[in-house]
């Protein structure tokens, strides 16, 4: 099942490749989501926009469009903890904060920080860990503000080329930065990073820019050139075209994840770290595909 989310009356007049910009126009994001858990059938969404241990949200406020992805750390399952609970609750809390207007568009790490500390203050501790990536479009300023912690991330594509991208954060091989809540007896033994450690960036966007936000299940299995090949098929900003392309990207990543002979980006990274690895990396995959379009209310 594919989930497509759109908000407000979006005038999708952008044509891929860019249009001349008028400062007085507000921008918005037309977004489709697609994904699946590695242990579930393609496209099956849990309640709350979750694919396996991944989670995501898309929300809007009067001044901005906001979206995010999070990847729950699967190792908690060995200790009887459902990893999806942490990532899904983190994203649901971010979504609520946005809808309540409790955020500053130019400071997306603030959304992540407030959400995380709400989880810490729960009377019943919610154990787990997660990476996270938050993307905010300020409608009036036409600026995109991002915060990325770990190895989820985003790409901004313009004219068929990647013009902006997030930086992956790893402590060491296959150990990304992550937000964590551990039981008292395990504090200090569980890897935990501060939300302030997130890599932040801000830059202008143009009508027709493509923004792809995803968990590492995509980036570990599809290099940039494959993603760009799929994005070339996106010829307009209508919902159906975005939906179809998001599905195509997610399904190709899934197929490659289970190809034992494919030299995936993950396998290449493993080899670079002295490990003899080949093949894709089976994982949960979440893809949010957005186009910057003109917004009218």
C-alpha atoms as a PDB file:
ATOM      1  CA  UNK A   1       0.000   0.000   0.000  1.00  0.00           C
ATOM      2  CA  UNK A   2       1.309   3.435  -0.870  1.00  0.00           C
ATOM      3  CA  UNK A   3       0.638   6.438   1.287  1.00  0.00           C
ATOM      4  CA  UNK A   4       0.426   9.835  -0.395  1.00  0.00           C
ATOM      5  CA  UNK A   5       0.104  12.938   1.729  1.00  0.00           C
ATOM      6  CA  UNK A   6      -0.622  16.438   0.556  1.00  0.00           C
ATOM      7  CA  UNK A   7      -1.760  19.485   2.440  1.00  0.00           C
ATOM      8  CA  UNK A   8      -3.576  22.644   1.447  1.00  0.00           C
ATOM      9  CA  UNK A   9      -4.389  23.651  -2.078  1.00  0.00           C
ATOM     10  CA  UNK A  10      -1.086  23.012  -3.776  1.00  0.00           C
ATOM     11  CA  UNK A  11      -0.703  24.432  -7.229  1.00  0.00           C
ATOM     12  CA  UNK A  12       1.712  22.015  -8.817  1.00  0.00           C
ATOM     13  CA  UNK A  13       2.866  24.260 -11.646  1.00  0.00           C
ATOM     14  CA  UNK A  14       6.528  23.353 -11.282  1.00  0.00           C
ATOM     15  CA  UNK A  15       8.136  21.516 -14.170  1.00  0.00           C
ATOM     16  CA  UNK A  16      11.143  19.406 -13.332  1.00  0.00           C
ATOM     17  CA  UNK A  17      14.243  21.363 -14.212  1.00  0.00           C
ATOM     18  CA  UNK A  18      13.163  24.574 -12.523  1.00  0.00           C
ATOM     19  CA  UNK A  19      11.158  27.701 -13.250  1.00  0.00           C
ATOM     20  CA  UNK A  20      11.906  31.363 -12.847  1.00  0.00           C
ATOM     21  CA  UNK A  21      11.160  32.450  -9.296  1.00  0.00           C
ATOM     22  CA  UNK A  22       9.018  35.311  -8.044  1.00  0.00           C
ATOM     23  CA  UNK A  23       9.853  36.376  -4.517  1.00  0.00           C
ATOM     24  CA  UNK A  24       6.229  37.011  -3.581  1.00  0.00           C
ATOM     25  CA  UNK A  25       5.068  33.428  -4.083  1.00  0.00           C
ATOM     26  CA  UNK A  26       4.922  30.965  -1.215  1.00  0.00           C
ATOM     27  CA  UNK A  27       6.325  27.499  -1.813  1.00  0.00           C
ATOM     28  CA  UNK A  28       5.194  24.146  -0.479  1.00  0.00           C
ATOM     29  CA  UNK A  29       6.102  20.487  -0.750  1.00  0.00           C
ATOM     30  CA  UNK A  30       4.071  17.941  -2.682  1.00  0.00           C
ATOM     31  CA  UNK A  31       5.078  14.659  -1.058  1.00  0.00           C
ATOM     32  CA  UNK A  32       4.492  10.941  -1.490  1.00  0.00           C
ATOM     33  CA  UNK A  33       5.745   8.182   0.786  1.00  0.00           C
ATOM     34  CA  UNK A  34       6.555   4.563   0.047  1.00  0.00           C
ATOM     35  CA  UNK A  35       8.351   1.842   1.938  1.00  0.00           C
ATOM     36  CA  UNK A  36       8.183  -1.495   3.679  1.00  0.00           C
ATOM     37  CA  UNK A  37       9.728  -3.444   6.500  1.00  0.00           C
ATOM     38  CA  UNK A  38      12.172  -6.171   5.645  1.00  0.00           C
ATOM     39  CA  UNK A  39       9.969  -8.697   7.457  1.00  0.00           C
ATOM     40  CA  UNK A  40       6.698  -7.483   5.971  1.00  0.00           C
ATOM     41  CA  UNK A  41       5.042  -7.477   2.573  1.00  0.00           C
ATOM     42  CA  UNK A  42       5.830  -4.550   0.306  1.00  0.00           C
ATOM     43  CA  UNK A  43       4.171  -1.311   1.191  1.00  0.00           C
ATOM     44  CA  UNK A  44       2.525  -2.450   4.418  1.00  0.00           C
ATOM     45  CA  UNK A  45       2.164   0.491   6.794  1.00  0.00           C
ATOM     46  CA  UNK A  46       1.812  -0.016  10.491  1.00  0.00           C
ATOM     47  CA  UNK A  47      -0.413   2.475  12.259  1.00  0.00           C
ATOM     48  CA  UNK A  48       1.344   5.823  12.398  1.00  0.00           C
ATOM     49  CA  UNK A  49       3.372   5.681   9.171  1.00  0.00           C
ATOM     50  CA  UNK A  50       5.827   2.943  10.059  1.00  0.00           C
ATOM     51  CA  UNK A  51       7.578   0.507   7.746  1.00  0.00           C
ATOM     52  CA  UNK A  52       9.078  -2.186   9.964  1.00  0.00           C
ATOM     53  CA  UNK A  53      11.263  -0.395  12.522  1.00  0.00           C
ATOM     54  CA  UNK A  54      11.330   2.764  10.382  1.00  0.00           C
ATOM     55  CA  UNK A  55       8.919   5.617  10.987  1.00  0.00           C
ATOM     56  CA  UNK A  56       8.116   8.882   9.249  1.00  0.00           C
ATOM     57  CA  UNK A  57       5.791  11.871   9.321  1.00  0.00           C
ATOM     58  CA  UNK A  58       4.637  14.697   7.068  1.00  0.00           C
ATOM     59  CA  UNK A  59       3.037  17.737   8.651  1.00  0.00           C
ATOM     60  CA  UNK A  60       2.295  21.343   7.927  1.00  0.00           C
ATOM     61  CA  UNK A  61       1.845  24.562   9.820  1.00  0.00           C
ATOM     62  CA  UNK A  62       0.868  27.990   8.534  1.00  0.00           C
ATOM     63  CA  UNK A  63       4.505  28.920   7.896  1.00  0.00           C
ATOM     64  CA  UNK A  64       6.199  25.687   6.902  1.00  0.00           C
ATOM     65  CA  UNK A  65       6.025  22.125   5.622  1.00  0.00           C
ATOM     66  CA  UNK A  66       7.891  19.633   7.796  1.00  0.00           C
ATOM     67  CA  UNK A  67       8.763  15.989   7.274  1.00  0.00           C
ATOM     68  CA  UNK A  68      10.979  13.452   8.980  1.00  0.00           C
ATOM     69  CA  UNK A  69      12.214   9.882   8.977  1.00  0.00           C
ATOM     70  CA  UNK A  70      13.612   7.733  11.773  1.00  0.00           C
ATOM     71  CA  UNK A  71      15.188   4.277  11.861  1.00  0.00           C
ATOM     72  CA  UNK A  72      14.765   2.261  15.044  1.00  0.00           C
ATOM     73  CA  UNK A  73      17.865   0.309  16.066  1.00  0.00           C
ATOM     74  CA  UNK A  74      17.018  -3.368  15.606  1.00  0.00           C
ATOM     75  CA  UNK A  75      19.456  -4.633  18.230  1.00  0.00           C
ATOM     76  CA  UNK A  76      16.955  -3.816  20.976  1.00  0.00           C
ATOM     77  CA  UNK A  77      14.868  -6.762  19.826  1.00  0.00           C
ATOM     78  CA  UNK A  78      17.466  -9.067  21.422  1.00  0.00           C
ATOM     79  CA  UNK A  79      16.479  -7.581  24.796  1.00  0.00           C
ATOM     80  CA  UNK A  80      12.734  -7.987  24.340  1.00  0.00           C
ATOM     81  CA  UNK A  81      12.173  -4.386  23.167  1.00  0.00           C
ATOM     82  CA  UNK A  82      10.227  -3.563  20.001  1.00  0.00           C
ATOM     83  CA  UNK A  83      12.556  -1.143  18.138  1.00  0.00           C
ATOM     84  CA  UNK A  84       9.689   0.408  16.180  1.00  0.00           C
ATOM     85  CA  UNK A  85       8.099   1.851  19.306  1.00  0.00           C
ATOM     86  CA  UNK A  86      10.916   4.344  19.884  1.00  0.00           C
ATOM     87  CA  UNK A  87      11.174   5.567  16.293  1.00  0.00           C
ATOM     88  CA  UNK A  88       7.404   5.785  15.781  1.00  0.00           C
ATOM     89  CA  UNK A  89       6.819   7.655  19.041  1.00  0.00           C
ATOM     90  CA  UNK A  90       9.663  10.042  18.230  1.00  0.00           C
ATOM     91  CA  UNK A  91       8.126  10.861  14.828  1.00  0.00           C
ATOM     92  CA  UNK A  92       4.568  11.117  16.180  1.00  0.00           C
ATOM     93  CA  UNK A  93       5.790  13.569  18.804  1.00  0.00           C
ATOM     94  CA  UNK A  94       7.607  15.641  16.172  1.00  0.00           C
ATOM     95  CA  UNK A  95       4.429  15.703  14.083  1.00  0.00           C
ATOM     96  CA  UNK A  96       2.340  16.877  17.020  1.00  0.00           C
ATOM     97  CA  UNK A  97       4.806  19.638  17.889  1.00  0.00           C
ATOM     98  CA  UNK A  98       4.674  20.923  14.323  1.00  0.00           C
ATOM     99  CA  UNK A  99       0.883  20.917  14.172  1.00  0.00           C
ATOM    100  CA  UNK A 100       0.785  22.777  17.492  1.00  0.00           C
ATOM    101  CA  UNK A 101       3.202  25.370  16.148  1.00  0.00           C
ATOM    102  CA  UNK A 102       5.816  24.565  18.783  1.00  0.00           C
ATOM    103  CA  UNK A 103       8.803  24.895  16.474  1.00  0.00           C
ATOM    104  CA  UNK A 104      10.945  27.439  14.661  1.00  0.00           C
ATOM    105  CA  UNK A 105      11.289  26.661  10.927  1.00  0.00           C
ATOM    106  CA  UNK A 106      14.938  27.752  10.822  1.00  0.00           C
ATOM    107  CA  UNK A 107      15.834  25.461  13.756  1.00  0.00           C
ATOM    108  CA  UNK A 108      14.683  21.890  12.975  1.00  0.00           C
ATOM    109  CA  UNK A 109      16.993  20.399  15.585  1.00  0.00           C
ATOM    110  CA  UNK A 110      14.705  22.089  18.112  1.00  0.00           C
ATOM    111  CA  UNK A 111      11.811  19.845  17.030  1.00  0.00           C
ATOM    112  CA  UNK A 112      14.015  16.805  17.471  1.00  0.00           C
ATOM    113  CA  UNK A 113      15.305  17.976  20.848  1.00  0.00           C
ATOM    114  CA  UNK A 114      11.869  18.750  22.286  1.00  0.00           C
ATOM    115  CA  UNK A 115      10.479  15.446  21.041  1.00  0.00           C
ATOM    116  CA  UNK A 116      13.370  13.467  22.505  1.00  0.00           C
ATOM    117  CA  UNK A 117      13.127  15.136  25.904  1.00  0.00           C
ATOM    118  CA  UNK A 118       9.392  14.484  26.019  1.00  0.00           C
ATOM    119  CA  UNK A 119      10.214  10.803  25.592  1.00  0.00           C
ATOM    120  CA  UNK A 120      12.786  11.009  28.377  1.00  0.00           C
ATOM    121  CA  UNK A 121      10.187  12.489  30.730  1.00  0.00           C
ATOM    122  CA  UNK A 122       7.616   9.733  30.209  1.00  0.00           C
ATOM    123  CA  UNK A 123       6.538   8.158  33.482  1.00  0.00           C
ATOM    124  CA  UNK A 124       6.969   4.759  31.863  1.00  0.00           C
ATOM    125  CA  UNK A 125      10.360   4.758  30.107  1.00  0.00           C
ATOM    126  CA  UNK A 126      10.225   4.054  26.378  1.00  0.00           C
ATOM    127  CA  UNK A 127      13.400   2.085  25.753  1.00  0.00           C
ATOM    128  CA  UNK A 128      15.128   2.084  22.402  1.00  0.00           C
ATOM    129  CA  UNK A 129      17.311   4.001  19.956  1.00  0.00           C
ATOM    130  CA  UNK A 130      16.833   5.689  16.614  1.00  0.00           C
ATOM    131  CA  UNK A 131      18.477   7.794  13.962  1.00  0.00           C
ATOM    132  CA  UNK A 132      16.479  10.792  12.700  1.00  0.00           C
ATOM    133  CA  UNK A 133      16.329  13.311   9.871  1.00  0.00           C
ATOM    134  CA  UNK A 134      14.086  16.406   9.895  1.00  0.00           C
ATOM    135  CA  UNK A 135      13.482  18.611   6.841  1.00  0.00           C
ATOM    136  CA  UNK A 136      11.628  21.958   7.027  1.00  0.00           C
ATOM    137  CA  UNK A 137      10.572  24.182   4.129  1.00  0.00           C
ATOM    138  CA  UNK A 138       9.941  27.793   5.136  1.00  0.00           C
ATOM    139  CA  UNK A 139       7.233  28.787   2.682  1.00  0.00           C
ATOM    140  CA  UNK A 140       7.913  32.528   2.534  1.00  0.00           C
ATOM    141  CA  UNK A 141      11.712  32.565   2.583  1.00  0.00           C
ATOM    142  CA  UNK A 142      11.994  29.582   0.192  1.00  0.00           C
ATOM    143  CA  UNK A 143      14.698  28.114   2.418  1.00  0.00           C
ATOM    144  CA  UNK A 144      15.093  24.491   3.417  1.00  0.00           C
ATOM    145  CA  UNK A 145      16.344  23.821   6.940  1.00  0.00           C
ATOM    146  CA  UNK A 146      17.546  20.346   7.905  1.00  0.00           C
ATOM    147  CA  UNK A 147      18.815  18.380  10.875  1.00  0.00           C
ATOM    148  CA  UNK A 148      20.233  14.880  10.457  1.00  0.00           C
ATOM    149  CA  UNK A 149      21.448  12.552  13.193  1.00  0.00           C
ATOM    150  CA  UNK A 150      22.924   9.244  12.022  1.00  0.00           C
ATOM    151  CA  UNK A 151      22.699   7.552   8.638  1.00  0.00           C
ATOM    152  CA  UNK A 152      19.229   8.432   7.448  1.00  0.00           C
ATOM    153  CA  UNK A 153      19.326  11.525   5.269  1.00  0.00           C
ATOM    154  CA  UNK A 154      18.221  13.563   2.282  1.00  0.00           C
ATOM    155  CA  UNK A 155      19.174  14.572  -1.242  1.00  0.00           C
ATOM    156  CA  UNK A 156      18.147  17.728  -3.129  1.00  0.00           C
ATOM    157  CA  UNK A 157      18.177  17.270  -6.892  1.00  0.00           C
ATOM    158  CA  UNK A 158      18.048  20.102  -9.433  1.00  0.00           C
ATOM    159  CA  UNK A 159      18.531  19.745 -13.162  1.00  0.00           C
ATOM    160  CA  UNK A 160      19.351  16.056 -12.781  1.00  0.00           C
ATOM    161  CA  UNK A 161      22.195  16.671 -10.314  1.00  0.00           C
ATOM    162  CA  UNK A 162      22.538  16.426  -6.547  1.00  0.00           C
ATOM    163  CA  UNK A 163      22.977  20.004  -5.313  1.00  0.00           C
ATOM    164  CA  UNK A 164      22.648  19.365  -1.571  1.00  0.00           C
ATOM    165  CA  UNK A 165      22.857  16.276   0.593  1.00  0.00           C
ATOM    166  CA  UNK A 166      23.097  15.302   4.250  1.00  0.00           C
ATOM    167  CA  UNK A 167      26.318  14.069   5.795  1.00  0.00           C
ATOM    168  CA  UNK A 168      26.218  10.569   7.260  1.00  0.00           C
ATOM    169  CA  UNK A 169      27.251  10.403  10.913  1.00  0.00           C
ATOM    170  CA  UNK A 170      28.940   7.212  12.100  1.00  0.00           C
ATOM    171  CA  UNK A 171      30.867   6.446  15.285  1.00  0.00           C
ATOM    172  CA  UNK A 172      32.438   3.535  13.436  1.00  0.00           C
ATOM    173  CA  UNK A 173      31.377   1.050  10.760  1.00  0.00           C
ATOM    174  CA  UNK A 174      27.634   0.341  10.829  1.00  0.00           C
ATOM    175  CA  UNK A 175      27.221   2.264  14.089  1.00  0.00           C
ATOM    176  CA  UNK A 176      25.438   5.545  13.368  1.00  0.00           C
ATOM    177  CA  UNK A 177      24.793   8.417  15.717  1.00  0.00           C
ATOM    178  CA  UNK A 178      21.493   7.788  17.499  1.00  0.00           C
ATOM    179  CA  UNK A 179      19.117   9.017  20.155  1.00  0.00           C
ATOM    180  CA  UNK A 180      18.684   6.446  22.912  1.00  0.00           C
ATOM    181  CA  UNK A 181      16.842   5.763  26.129  1.00  0.00           C
ATOM    182  CA  UNK A 182      18.309   2.923  28.184  1.00  0.00           C
ATOM    183  CA  UNK A 183      17.234   1.352  31.479  1.00  0.00           C
ATOM    184  CA  UNK A 184      19.046   2.836  34.498  1.00  0.00           C
ATOM    185  CA  UNK A 185      21.263  -0.199  34.917  1.00  0.00           C
ATOM    186  CA  UNK A 186      22.478   0.128  31.315  1.00  0.00           C
ATOM    187  CA  UNK A 187      23.076   3.882  31.221  1.00  0.00           C
ATOM    188  CA  UNK A 188      26.599   4.554  30.053  1.00  0.00           C
ATOM    189  CA  UNK A 189      26.773   1.176  28.336  1.00  0.00           C
ATOM    190  CA  UNK A 190      24.299   2.068  25.562  1.00  0.00           C
ATOM    191  CA  UNK A 191      25.426   4.384  22.811  1.00  0.00           C
ATOM    192  CA  UNK A 192      23.516   7.660  23.034  1.00  0.00           C
ATOM    193  CA  UNK A 193      24.053  10.975  21.261  1.00  0.00           C
ATOM    194  CA  UNK A 194      22.628  14.378  21.995  1.00  0.00           C
ATOM    195  CA  UNK A 195      20.134  15.857  19.514  1.00  0.00           C
ATOM    196  CA  UNK A 196      22.502  18.823  19.346  1.00  0.00           C
ATOM    197  CA  UNK A 197      25.017  16.532  17.624  1.00  0.00           C
ATOM    198  CA  UNK A 198      22.769  16.497  14.542  1.00  0.00           C
ATOM    199  CA  UNK A 199      24.294  17.937  11.399  1.00  0.00           C
ATOM    200  CA  UNK A 200      22.311  21.056  10.437  1.00  0.00           C
ATOM    201  CA  UNK A 201      22.115  22.966   7.157  1.00  0.00           C
ATOM    202  CA  UNK A 202      20.068  25.739   5.530  1.00  0.00           C
ATOM    203  CA  UNK A 203      19.875  26.720   1.867  1.00  0.00           C
ATOM    204  CA  UNK A 204      17.543  28.177  -0.762  1.00  0.00           C
ATOM    205  CA  UNK A 205      15.386  25.941  -2.928  1.00  0.00           C
ATOM    206  CA  UNK A 206      13.731  26.555  -6.283  1.00  0.00           C
ATOM    207  CA  UNK A 207      10.437  25.567  -7.825  1.00  0.00           C
ATOM    208  CA  UNK A 208      10.826  22.086  -9.275  1.00  0.00           C
ATOM    209  CA  UNK A 209      13.580  20.983  -6.887  1.00  0.00           C
ATOM    210  CA  UNK A 210      13.252  17.336  -5.885  1.00  0.00           C
ATOM    211  CA  UNK A 211      13.838  16.411  -2.247  1.00  0.00           C
ATOM    212  CA  UNK A 212      14.315  12.758  -1.368  1.00  0.00           C
ATOM    213  CA  UNK A 213      14.362  11.936   2.345  1.00  0.00           C
ATOM    214  CA  UNK A 214      14.988   8.333   3.353  1.00  0.00           C
ATOM    215  CA  UNK A 215      16.342   5.885   5.882  1.00  0.00           C
ATOM    216  CA  UNK A 216      19.592   4.009   5.336  1.00  0.00           C
ATOM    217  CA  UNK A 217      17.730   1.068   3.825  1.00  0.00           C
ATOM    218  CA  UNK A 218      17.632   3.136   0.642  1.00  0.00           C
ATOM    219  CA  UNK A 219      21.108   4.664   0.698  1.00  0.00           C
ATOM    220  CA  UNK A 220      22.810   1.385   1.680  1.00  0.00           C
ATOM    221  CA  UNK A 221      21.385  -0.292  -1.418  1.00  0.00           C
ATOM    222  CA  UNK A 222      21.161   2.403  -4.109  1.00  0.00           C
ATOM    223  CA  UNK A 223      24.040   4.701  -5.093  1.00  0.00           C
ATOM    224  CA  UNK A 224      23.296   8.226  -6.250  1.00  0.00           C
ATOM    225  CA  UNK A 225      23.482   7.432  -9.951  1.00  0.00           C
ATOM    226  CA  UNK A 226      20.717   4.815  -9.663  1.00  0.00           C
ATOM    227  CA  UNK A 227      18.519   7.186  -7.684  1.00  0.00           C
ATOM    228  CA  UNK A 228      19.062   9.918 -10.274  1.00  0.00           C
ATOM    229  CA  UNK A 229      18.114   7.515 -13.069  1.00  0.00           C
ATOM    230  CA  UNK A 230      14.790   6.884 -11.376  1.00  0.00           C
ATOM    231  CA  UNK A 231      14.202  10.574 -10.703  1.00  0.00           C
ATOM    232  CA  UNK A 232      14.614  11.345 -14.415  1.00  0.00           C
ATOM    233  CA  UNK A 233      11.290   9.576 -14.916  1.00  0.00           C
ATOM    234  CA  UNK A 234       9.599  12.252 -12.806  1.00  0.00           C
ATOM    235  CA  UNK A 235       8.330  14.733 -15.383  1.00  0.00           C
ATOM    236  CA  UNK A 236       5.817  16.785 -13.406  1.00  0.00           C
ATOM    237  CA  UNK A 237       4.740  17.653  -9.894  1.00  0.00           C
ATOM    238  CA  UNK A 238       1.389  15.876 -10.017  1.00  0.00           C
ATOM    239  CA  UNK A 239       0.675  13.426  -7.230  1.00  0.00           C
ATOM    240  CA  UNK A 240       0.444  10.379  -9.442  1.00  0.00           C
ATOM    241  CA  UNK A 241       3.879  10.927 -10.958  1.00  0.00           C
ATOM    242  CA  UNK A 242       5.503  11.456  -7.546  1.00  0.00           C
ATOM    243  CA  UNK A 243       3.717   8.386  -6.202  1.00  0.00           C
ATOM    244  CA  UNK A 244       4.878   6.205  -9.057  1.00  0.00           C
ATOM    245  CA  UNK A 245       8.488   7.353  -8.774  1.00  0.00           C
ATOM    246  CA  UNK A 246       8.586   6.901  -4.985  1.00  0.00           C
ATOM    247  CA  UNK A 247       7.300   3.358  -5.448  1.00  0.00           C
ATOM    248  CA  UNK A 248       9.844   2.624  -8.191  1.00  0.00           C
ATOM    249  CA  UNK A 249      12.748   3.810  -6.028  1.00  0.00           C
ATOM    250  CA  UNK A 250      11.657   1.867  -2.943  1.00  0.00           C
ATOM    251  CA  UNK A 251      11.006  -1.332  -4.879  1.00  0.00           C
ATOM    252  CA  UNK A 252      14.340  -1.180  -6.687  1.00  0.00           C
ATOM    253  CA  UNK A 253      16.155  -0.711  -3.380  1.00  0.00           C
ATOM    254  CA  UNK A 254      14.253  -3.686  -1.964  1.00  0.00           C
ATOM    255  CA  UNK A 255      15.181  -5.900  -4.911  1.00  0.00           C
ATOM    256  CA  UNK A 256      18.854  -4.931  -4.678  1.00  0.00           C
ATOM    257  CA  UNK A 257      18.872  -5.543  -0.920  1.00  0.00           C
ATOM    258  CA  UNK A 258      18.311  -9.262  -1.548  1.00  0.00           C
ATOM    259  CA  UNK A 259      20.744  -9.654  -4.463  1.00  0.00           C
ATOM    260  CA  UNK A 260      23.709 -11.673  -3.123  1.00  0.00           C
ATOM    261  CA  UNK A 261      25.954 -10.776  -6.074  1.00  0.00           C
ATOM    262  CA  UNK A 262      25.356  -7.028  -6.083  1.00  0.00           C
ATOM    263  CA  UNK A 263      28.135  -4.770  -4.804  1.00  0.00           C
ATOM    264  CA  UNK A 264      25.936  -2.407  -2.827  1.00  0.00           C
ATOM    265  CA  UNK A 265      27.095   0.876  -1.272  1.00  0.00           C
ATOM    266  CA  UNK A 266      26.922  -0.913   2.095  1.00  0.00           C
ATOM    267  CA  UNK A 267      29.113  -3.778   0.851  1.00  0.00           C
ATOM    268  CA  UNK A 268      31.599  -1.300  -0.600  1.00  0.00           C
ATOM    269  CA  UNK A 269      31.738   0.565   2.707  1.00  0.00           C
ATOM    270  CA  UNK A 270      32.294  -2.758   4.503  1.00  0.00           C
ATOM    271  CA  UNK A 271      35.162  -3.618   2.164  1.00  0.00           C
ATOM    272  CA  UNK A 272      36.662  -0.201   2.804  1.00  0.00           C
ATOM    273  CA  UNK A 273      36.656  -1.142   6.478  1.00  0.00           C
ATOM    274  CA  UNK A 274      38.463  -4.434   5.913  1.00  0.00           C
ATOM    275  CA  UNK A 275      35.451  -6.747   5.746  1.00  0.00           C
ATOM    276  CA  UNK A 276      34.861  -9.217   2.930  1.00  0.00           C
ATOM    277  CA  UNK A 277      31.216  -8.449   2.176  1.00  0.00           C
ATOM    278  CA  UNK A 278      29.177  -8.631  -0.990  1.00  0.00           C
ATOM    279  CA  UNK A 279      25.500  -8.274  -1.773  1.00  0.00           C
ATOM    280  CA  UNK A 280      22.735  -5.934  -0.763  1.00  0.00           C
ATOM    281  CA  UNK A 281      21.713  -5.133   2.790  1.00  0.00           C
ATOM    282  CA  UNK A 282      18.232  -6.385   3.765  1.00  0.00           C
ATOM    283  CA  UNK A 283      16.664  -3.612   5.811  1.00  0.00           C
ATOM    284  CA  UNK A 284      13.539  -1.584   6.371  1.00  0.00           C
ATOM    285  CA  UNK A 285      13.172   1.072   3.682  1.00  0.00           C
ATOM    286  CA  UNK A 286      11.331   4.388   3.923  1.00  0.00           C
ATOM    287  CA  UNK A 287      11.244   6.919   1.079  1.00  0.00           C
ATOM    288  CA  UNK A 288       9.653  10.377   1.175  1.00  0.00           C
ATOM    289  CA  UNK A 289       9.734  12.005  -2.244  1.00  0.00           C
ATOM    290  CA  UNK A 290       8.887  15.715  -2.472  1.00  0.00           C
ATOM    291  CA  UNK A 291       8.766  18.394  -5.143  1.00  0.00           C
ATOM    292  CA  UNK A 292       8.922  22.111  -4.384  1.00  0.00           C
ATOM    293  CA  UNK A 293       5.784  23.663  -5.903  1.00  0.00           C
ATOM    294  CA  UNK A 294       3.890  26.928  -5.671  1.00  0.00           C
ATOM    295  CA  UNK A 295       1.425  27.090  -2.776  1.00  0.00           C
ATOM    296  CA  UNK A 296      -1.883  28.931  -2.657  1.00  0.00           C
ATOM    297  CA  UNK A 297      -4.309  28.926   0.241  1.00  0.00           C
END
